[in-house]
Every structure is written in structure tokens, then in C-alpha cells.
N, C-alpha and C. Protein backbone atom coordinates (compact mmCIF):
# COMPACT_ATOMS: atom_id res chain seq x y z
N GLY A 1 15.05 25.26 -12.06
CA GLY A 1 15.21 24.06 -11.50
C GLY A 1 14.76 22.83 -12.23
N HIS A 2 15.52 21.83 -11.98
CA HIS A 2 15.19 20.51 -12.51
C HIS A 2 14.15 19.84 -11.65
N ARG A 3 13.28 19.09 -12.29
CA ARG A 3 12.29 18.30 -11.57
C ARG A 3 12.97 17.03 -11.07
N MET A 4 12.69 16.67 -9.84
CA MET A 4 13.24 15.43 -9.28
C MET A 4 12.63 14.24 -10.02
N PRO A 5 13.43 13.20 -10.28
CA PRO A 5 12.88 12.01 -10.93
C PRO A 5 11.78 11.39 -10.07
N SER A 6 10.82 10.80 -10.73
CA SER A 6 9.71 10.14 -10.05
C SER A 6 9.76 8.65 -10.34
N PRO A 7 9.36 7.82 -9.38
CA PRO A 7 9.27 6.39 -9.66
C PRO A 7 8.28 6.09 -10.78
N LEU A 8 7.39 7.04 -11.09
CA LEU A 8 6.40 6.83 -12.14
C LEU A 8 6.92 7.18 -13.53
N ASP A 9 8.09 7.82 -13.61
CA ASP A 9 8.59 8.31 -14.89
C ASP A 9 8.64 7.25 -15.98
N GLN A 10 9.06 6.05 -15.67
CA GLN A 10 9.19 5.00 -16.67
C GLN A 10 8.24 3.84 -16.45
N LEU A 11 7.30 4.00 -15.56
CA LEU A 11 6.40 2.90 -15.22
C LEU A 11 5.58 2.44 -16.42
N ARG A 12 5.00 3.37 -17.17
CA ARG A 12 4.19 2.99 -18.33
C ARG A 12 5.03 2.22 -19.36
N GLU A 13 6.28 2.65 -19.57
CA GLU A 13 7.17 1.95 -20.50
C GLU A 13 7.42 0.52 -20.05
N VAL A 14 7.63 0.32 -18.77
CA VAL A 14 7.85 -1.03 -18.24
C VAL A 14 6.61 -1.88 -18.47
N VAL A 15 5.44 -1.33 -18.14
CA VAL A 15 4.18 -2.06 -18.31
C VAL A 15 4.00 -2.47 -19.77
N GLU A 16 4.31 -1.57 -20.70
CA GLU A 16 4.14 -1.87 -22.12
C GLU A 16 5.18 -2.85 -22.65
N ALA A 17 6.32 -2.96 -21.96
CA ALA A 17 7.42 -3.81 -22.43
C ALA A 17 7.28 -5.27 -22.02
N VAL A 18 6.41 -5.56 -21.06
CA VAL A 18 6.29 -6.92 -20.57
C VAL A 18 4.86 -7.43 -20.69
N LYS A 19 4.71 -8.74 -20.61
CA LYS A 19 3.40 -9.36 -20.73
C LYS A 19 2.92 -9.96 -19.40
N ILE A 20 3.50 -9.50 -18.32
CA ILE A 20 3.12 -9.97 -16.99
C ILE A 20 2.66 -8.76 -16.16
N PRO A 21 1.88 -9.00 -15.11
CA PRO A 21 1.47 -7.87 -14.26
C PRO A 21 2.69 -7.18 -13.64
N VAL A 22 2.64 -5.88 -13.58
CA VAL A 22 3.73 -5.09 -13.00
C VAL A 22 3.33 -4.63 -11.61
N GLN A 23 4.27 -4.77 -10.70
CA GLN A 23 4.08 -4.37 -9.31
C GLN A 23 5.00 -3.19 -9.03
N ALA A 24 4.46 -2.06 -8.62
CA ALA A 24 5.27 -0.89 -8.30
C ALA A 24 5.77 -1.00 -6.86
N VAL A 25 7.09 -0.84 -6.69
CA VAL A 25 7.70 -1.00 -5.37
C VAL A 25 8.77 0.07 -5.18
N GLY A 26 8.77 0.70 -4.05
CA GLY A 26 9.89 1.54 -3.65
C GLY A 26 9.84 2.98 -4.08
N GLY A 27 10.09 3.85 -3.15
CA GLY A 27 10.22 5.26 -3.43
C GLY A 27 8.92 5.99 -3.75
N LEU A 28 7.80 5.36 -3.49
CA LEU A 28 6.50 5.96 -3.83
C LEU A 28 5.94 6.77 -2.67
N SER A 29 5.38 7.92 -3.01
CA SER A 29 4.59 8.65 -2.03
C SER A 29 3.19 8.04 -2.04
N LEU A 30 2.35 8.39 -1.09
CA LEU A 30 0.97 7.89 -1.10
C LEU A 30 0.27 8.32 -2.38
N GLU A 31 0.49 9.56 -2.81
CA GLU A 31 -0.15 10.05 -4.03
C GLU A 31 0.31 9.25 -5.25
N GLN A 32 1.60 8.94 -5.33
CA GLN A 32 2.12 8.15 -6.44
C GLN A 32 1.58 6.72 -6.41
N ALA A 33 1.46 6.14 -5.23
CA ALA A 33 0.91 4.79 -5.10
C ALA A 33 -0.52 4.76 -5.64
N ILE A 34 -1.28 5.79 -5.35
CA ILE A 34 -2.66 5.88 -5.83
C ILE A 34 -2.70 6.00 -7.35
N GLN A 35 -1.69 6.61 -7.96
CA GLN A 35 -1.65 6.80 -9.41
C GLN A 35 -1.21 5.56 -10.18
N CYS A 36 -0.57 4.60 -9.54
CA CYS A 36 0.01 3.45 -10.24
C CYS A 36 -0.97 2.72 -11.16
N PRO A 37 -2.21 2.45 -10.76
CA PRO A 37 -3.12 1.79 -11.70
C PRO A 37 -3.35 2.58 -12.99
N GLN A 38 -3.27 3.90 -12.92
CA GLN A 38 -3.42 4.73 -14.12
C GLN A 38 -2.28 4.48 -15.10
N PHE A 39 -1.15 4.02 -14.60
CA PHE A 39 0.01 3.74 -15.43
C PHE A 39 0.07 2.27 -15.85
N GLY A 40 -0.95 1.50 -15.48
CA GLY A 40 -1.01 0.10 -15.86
C GLY A 40 -0.43 -0.86 -14.85
N ALA A 41 -0.08 -0.37 -13.68
CA ALA A 41 0.49 -1.22 -12.63
C ALA A 41 -0.53 -1.34 -11.50
N PRO A 42 -1.35 -2.39 -11.53
CA PRO A 42 -2.41 -2.51 -10.53
C PRO A 42 -1.92 -2.99 -9.16
N LEU A 43 -0.69 -3.44 -9.08
CA LEU A 43 -0.15 -3.97 -7.82
C LEU A 43 0.83 -2.96 -7.24
N VAL A 44 0.64 -2.59 -5.99
CA VAL A 44 1.51 -1.60 -5.34
C VAL A 44 1.93 -2.14 -3.97
N VAL A 45 3.22 -2.05 -3.70
CA VAL A 45 3.74 -2.44 -2.39
C VAL A 45 3.99 -1.16 -1.60
N LEU A 46 3.39 -1.07 -0.42
CA LEU A 46 3.62 0.08 0.45
C LEU A 46 4.74 -0.27 1.42
N GLY A 47 5.85 0.40 1.28
CA GLY A 47 7.00 0.12 2.12
C GLY A 47 6.94 0.83 3.46
N ALA A 48 7.90 0.52 4.28
CA ALA A 48 7.95 1.05 5.64
C ALA A 48 7.90 2.58 5.70
N PRO A 49 8.59 3.32 4.82
CA PRO A 49 8.53 4.78 4.94
C PRO A 49 7.12 5.35 4.82
N LEU A 50 6.24 4.67 4.12
CA LEU A 50 4.87 5.16 3.99
C LEU A 50 3.98 4.73 5.14
N THR A 51 4.40 3.72 5.86
CA THR A 51 3.49 3.15 6.86
C THR A 51 3.96 3.26 8.30
N ILE A 52 5.22 3.66 8.52
CA ILE A 52 5.68 3.78 9.90
C ILE A 52 6.21 5.18 10.18
N ASP A 53 6.23 5.54 11.43
CA ASP A 53 6.82 6.77 11.90
C ASP A 53 8.30 6.47 12.15
N ALA A 54 9.20 7.20 11.52
CA ALA A 54 10.62 6.93 11.65
C ALA A 54 11.14 7.17 13.06
N ASP A 55 10.43 7.97 13.83
CA ASP A 55 10.89 8.30 15.18
C ASP A 55 10.30 7.42 16.27
N ALA A 56 9.32 6.61 15.92
CA ALA A 56 8.67 5.76 16.92
C ALA A 56 8.20 4.48 16.23
N PHE A 57 8.11 3.42 16.98
CA PHE A 57 7.66 2.15 16.40
C PHE A 57 6.14 2.13 16.38
N LYS A 58 5.58 2.88 15.42
CA LYS A 58 4.13 2.94 15.25
C LYS A 58 3.83 3.36 13.83
N THR A 59 2.59 3.24 13.41
CA THR A 59 2.23 3.67 12.07
C THR A 59 2.40 5.18 11.96
N ALA A 60 2.65 5.65 10.75
CA ALA A 60 2.98 7.05 10.52
C ALA A 60 1.96 8.01 11.10
N ASP A 61 0.69 7.76 10.89
CA ASP A 61 -0.33 8.67 11.42
C ASP A 61 -1.03 8.08 12.64
N GLY A 62 -0.54 6.94 13.09
CA GLY A 62 -1.16 6.30 14.23
C GLY A 62 -2.28 5.36 13.86
N ASN A 63 -2.68 5.32 12.59
CA ASN A 63 -3.78 4.46 12.19
C ASN A 63 -3.57 3.92 10.78
N LEU A 64 -2.85 2.82 10.68
CA LEU A 64 -2.55 2.20 9.39
C LEU A 64 -3.82 1.81 8.65
N GLU A 65 -4.81 1.32 9.37
CA GLU A 65 -6.06 0.90 8.73
C GLU A 65 -6.72 2.06 7.99
N ASP A 66 -6.76 3.24 8.60
CA ASP A 66 -7.36 4.40 7.93
C ASP A 66 -6.55 4.81 6.70
N SER A 67 -5.21 4.73 6.78
CA SER A 67 -4.37 5.07 5.63
C SER A 67 -4.64 4.12 4.48
N LEU A 68 -4.71 2.82 4.76
CA LEU A 68 -4.97 1.84 3.70
C LEU A 68 -6.37 2.02 3.12
N ARG A 69 -7.33 2.32 3.97
CA ARG A 69 -8.70 2.56 3.49
C ARG A 69 -8.72 3.76 2.54
N MET A 70 -8.02 4.84 2.90
CA MET A 70 -7.96 6.03 2.06
C MET A 70 -7.36 5.71 0.70
N ILE A 71 -6.28 4.94 0.68
CA ILE A 71 -5.64 4.56 -0.58
C ILE A 71 -6.60 3.73 -1.42
N CYS A 72 -7.22 2.73 -0.83
CA CYS A 72 -8.14 1.86 -1.57
C CYS A 72 -9.32 2.65 -2.12
N GLU A 73 -9.89 3.54 -1.32
CA GLU A 73 -11.02 4.34 -1.79
C GLU A 73 -10.61 5.25 -2.93
N ALA A 74 -9.43 5.84 -2.85
CA ALA A 74 -8.95 6.72 -3.92
C ALA A 74 -8.74 5.94 -5.21
N ILE A 75 -8.15 4.75 -5.11
CA ILE A 75 -7.91 3.94 -6.30
C ILE A 75 -9.23 3.45 -6.89
N HIS A 76 -10.13 2.98 -6.05
CA HIS A 76 -11.40 2.46 -6.55
C HIS A 76 -12.30 3.54 -7.13
N SER A 77 -12.06 4.80 -6.79
CA SER A 77 -12.87 5.88 -7.33
C SER A 77 -12.39 6.31 -8.72
N GLN A 78 -11.22 5.83 -9.14
CA GLN A 78 -10.68 6.18 -10.45
C GLN A 78 -11.29 5.30 -11.52
N ASP A 79 -11.38 5.85 -12.72
CA ASP A 79 -11.81 5.06 -13.88
C ASP A 79 -10.55 4.59 -14.58
N VAL A 80 -9.95 3.54 -14.03
CA VAL A 80 -8.66 3.04 -14.53
C VAL A 80 -8.75 2.64 -15.99
N ALA A 81 -9.87 2.12 -16.44
CA ALA A 81 -10.01 1.68 -17.83
C ALA A 81 -9.85 2.84 -18.80
N ALA A 82 -10.10 4.06 -18.35
CA ALA A 82 -10.00 5.23 -19.23
C ALA A 82 -8.56 5.58 -19.54
N PHE A 83 -7.63 5.04 -18.77
CA PHE A 83 -6.23 5.36 -18.98
C PHE A 83 -5.64 4.33 -19.87
């Protein structure tokens, strides 16, 4: 089997090709969003699929604040400068 393309596949190339901050948007899983700073993209947009339940008008796990806290803690625990 072929590996499915990832939004992160070309992120480092984009970061290296431009002289402005890169913002990762679209198609990201929570795990991929957490990895973005490692690829040089410190700005991440969390879209509706990551934050809402598709079957009900509510946050995916019922607590958006806890989800955002988890993401922030995971990113802040990384040594981004090492990448």
C-alpha cells in the first residue's frame, strides 16, 4: 500500500521557500497540528472538523477548552529550536 499524502509532506519546503511566517491550514489532524512548529510553521489554524462534532452542534469532545489546552501543552513541551 501507498501512504496517504499528508498536509505536512511539503510544509518544510514551503517554509524554506518564503521569508514570511507560514500558517498551516486545512486537512490537519490534532497530531499533525501539534507537529507544525517542528516543520517551521508556528501558526496553525484549527478548522471545524477538528473542533466540532459533525452530528451535533457542539465541540467534538464536548470541551473545546480542554482540546486547545492539550494542543498548547503538547506544542510548548517540544524543543522546537532543535528542529
